[in-house]
Amino acid sequence: MCTSLDGYVTTPDGWPAQLADPDFSPARYGFVEFQQRCDAVLMGRNTFEPALGAPQWPWGDLDVFVLGSTRPAGTPDHVVVDDDPQRLLEQVRETIVLPFLLGDGLRLTPAVSTDTSLALESTRRLPGGRLEVTYACR
């Protein structure tokens, strides 16, 4: 899942966070390598719909599950769309092991304005290929 630094997964108009980056590409964001380790994807209809206009199907041969009240036009037949969260999760569980979701609780970051400017202060490589990135809010 892509999130903005301030903890949002969509733009204010409902598009997936990564699409706010004008230079977005699945390869640059690591989606290609990440999806090679996945069995399925689960998302809401608003996150799913932009893929219908993509030049190529973003999820390869992964099982795709979408929570939505309607099946968007152009949705491939193999995509499972259901408006009942419990029923959809039952279908997901039949296919894959499902991690738990919290849905509410303490945010990782405080709410900030979209006008907030960020300045990169430092980066540091950590063991195991991780990266520590420090920003200052201006």
Protein backbone atom coordinates (compact mmCIF):
# COMPACT_ATOMS: atom_id res chain seq x y z
CA MET A 1 0.00 0.00 0.00
CA CYS A 2 1.30 3.43 -0.83
CA THR A 3 0.83 6.18 1.70
CA SER A 4 1.80 9.80 1.74
CA LEU A 5 4.27 10.89 4.39
CA ASP A 6 1.32 12.26 6.39
CA GLY A 7 -0.47 8.88 6.35
CA TYR A 8 -3.03 9.14 3.52
CA VAL A 9 -3.64 6.37 0.98
CA THR A 10 -5.63 8.54 -1.44
CA THR A 11 -5.57 12.07 -2.74
CA PRO A 12 -8.46 14.36 -1.68
CA ASP A 13 -10.29 13.39 -4.89
CA GLY A 14 -9.98 9.65 -4.13
CA TRP A 15 -7.12 8.59 -6.43
CA PRO A 16 -4.43 6.24 -5.05
CA ALA A 17 -1.63 8.18 -3.34
CA GLN A 18 1.08 7.08 -5.78
CA LEU A 19 -0.79 8.66 -8.70
CA ALA A 20 -0.16 12.09 -7.15
CA ASP A 21 3.47 11.68 -8.25
CA PRO A 22 3.74 12.91 -11.86
CA ASP A 23 6.70 10.54 -12.39
CA PHE A 24 4.87 7.46 -11.06
CA SER A 25 5.67 4.13 -12.65
CA PRO A 26 5.07 0.67 -11.16
CA ALA A 27 8.75 -0.25 -11.64
CA ARG A 28 10.10 2.90 -9.91
CA TYR A 29 7.77 2.37 -6.95
CA GLY A 30 8.82 -1.27 -6.56
CA PHE A 31 5.40 -2.67 -7.45
CA VAL A 32 6.76 -5.12 -10.00
CA GLU A 33 9.11 -6.80 -7.51
CA PHE A 34 6.61 -6.54 -4.65
CA GLN A 35 3.81 -8.17 -6.61
CA GLN A 36 6.04 -11.11 -7.47
CA ARG A 37 5.81 -11.99 -3.77
CA CYS A 38 2.01 -11.58 -3.53
CA ASP A 39 -0.84 -14.02 -4.07
CA ALA A 40 -3.66 -11.48 -4.35
CA VAL A 41 -4.64 -7.83 -4.04
CA LEU A 42 -7.58 -6.43 -2.06
CA MET A 43 -8.83 -2.88 -2.50
CA GLY A 44 -11.82 -0.61 -2.64
CA ARG A 45 -13.54 0.36 -5.87
CA ASN A 46 -12.05 3.88 -5.91
CA THR A 47 -8.53 2.45 -5.75
CA PHE A 48 -9.37 -0.18 -8.37
CA GLU A 49 -11.02 1.99 -11.03
CA PRO A 50 -7.88 3.85 -12.25
CA ALA A 51 -6.43 0.48 -13.30
CA LEU A 52 -9.21 0.00 -15.83
CA GLY A 53 -7.73 2.82 -17.91
CA ALA A 54 -4.12 1.70 -17.54
CA PRO A 55 -2.23 0.68 -20.69
CA GLN A 56 -1.63 -2.76 -19.17
CA TRP A 57 -3.27 -4.71 -16.34
CA PRO A 58 -1.29 -3.74 -13.19
CA TRP A 59 -1.77 -6.99 -11.27
CA GLY A 60 -0.57 -9.61 -13.73
CA ASP A 61 -2.01 -13.00 -12.81
CA LEU A 62 -2.77 -12.14 -9.16
CA ASP A 63 -6.22 -12.76 -7.73
CA VAL A 64 -7.98 -9.38 -7.45
CA PHE A 65 -10.69 -8.60 -4.87
CA VAL A 66 -12.61 -5.32 -4.86
CA LEU A 67 -15.02 -3.98 -2.25
CA GLY A 68 -17.62 -1.98 -4.13
CA SER A 69 -21.37 -1.55 -4.50
CA THR A 70 -21.17 -1.82 -8.28
CA ARG A 71 -18.97 -3.67 -10.75
CA PRO A 72 -17.18 -0.97 -12.76
CA ALA A 73 -17.59 -1.20 -16.54
CA GLY A 74 -14.63 -2.96 -18.13
CA THR A 75 -13.80 -5.06 -15.04
CA PRO A 76 -12.25 -8.36 -16.14
CA ASP A 77 -14.35 -11.44 -15.39
CA HIS A 78 -11.80 -12.97 -12.99
CA VAL A 79 -11.95 -9.95 -10.63
CA VAL A 80 -14.16 -10.56 -7.58
CA VAL A 81 -16.32 -7.52 -6.74
CA ASP A 82 -18.65 -7.63 -3.74
CA ASP A 83 -20.43 -4.94 -1.74
CA ASP A 84 -20.49 -6.94 1.50
CA PRO A 85 -17.17 -6.74 3.39
CA GLN A 86 -17.76 -9.98 5.31
CA ARG A 87 -18.69 -11.93 2.18
CA LEU A 88 -15.70 -10.51 0.30
CA LEU A 89 -13.31 -11.46 3.12
CA GLU A 90 -14.73 -14.99 3.10
CA GLN A 91 -13.85 -15.20 -0.61
CA VAL A 92 -10.37 -13.82 0.07
CA ARG A 93 -9.82 -16.34 2.90
CA GLU A 94 -10.75 -19.16 0.53
CA THR A 95 -7.89 -18.00 -1.71
CA ILE A 96 -5.15 -16.63 0.56
CA VAL A 97 -4.01 -16.05 4.13
CA LEU A 98 -5.34 -12.68 5.22
CA PRO A 99 -3.44 -10.29 7.52
CA PHE A 100 -5.48 -8.44 10.10
CA LEU A 101 -6.72 -4.88 9.58
CA LEU A 102 -7.28 -2.31 12.34
CA GLY A 103 -9.44 0.32 10.64
CA ASP A 104 -8.90 2.81 13.44
CA GLY A 105 -6.47 3.71 16.16
CA LEU A 106 -3.42 5.90 16.63
CA ARG A 107 -2.10 7.47 13.41
CA LEU A 108 1.56 7.16 12.55
CA THR A 109 1.81 10.88 11.86
CA PRO A 110 -0.21 13.92 12.88
CA ALA A 111 -2.52 15.58 10.36
CA VAL A 112 -0.80 18.28 8.32
CA SER A 113 -1.95 20.62 5.57
CA THR A 114 -1.36 19.62 1.94
CA ASP A 115 0.34 23.02 1.60
CA THR A 116 3.08 21.89 3.97
CA SER A 117 6.46 21.95 2.28
CA LEU A 118 8.94 19.18 3.04
CA ALA A 119 12.70 19.49 2.94
CA LEU A 120 14.90 16.41 2.85
CA GLU A 121 17.30 16.57 5.80
CA SER A 122 19.10 13.23 5.58
CA THR A 123 19.08 9.63 4.42
CA ARG A 124 20.86 6.67 5.96
CA ARG A 125 21.11 3.07 4.79
CA LEU A 126 20.20 0.54 7.46
CA PRO A 127 21.05 -3.17 7.63
CA GLY A 128 18.90 -5.40 5.44
CA GLY A 129 18.40 -2.81 2.70
CA ARG A 130 16.16 -0.45 4.67
CA LEU A 131 16.42 3.29 4.40
CA GLU A 132 15.92 5.91 7.09
CA VAL A 133 14.67 9.19 5.61
CA THR A 134 14.33 12.39 7.65
CA TYR A 135 12.30 15.37 6.48
CA ALA A 136 11.66 18.78 8.02
CA CYS A 137 8.21 20.37 7.67
CA ARG A 138 8.28 23.96 6.57
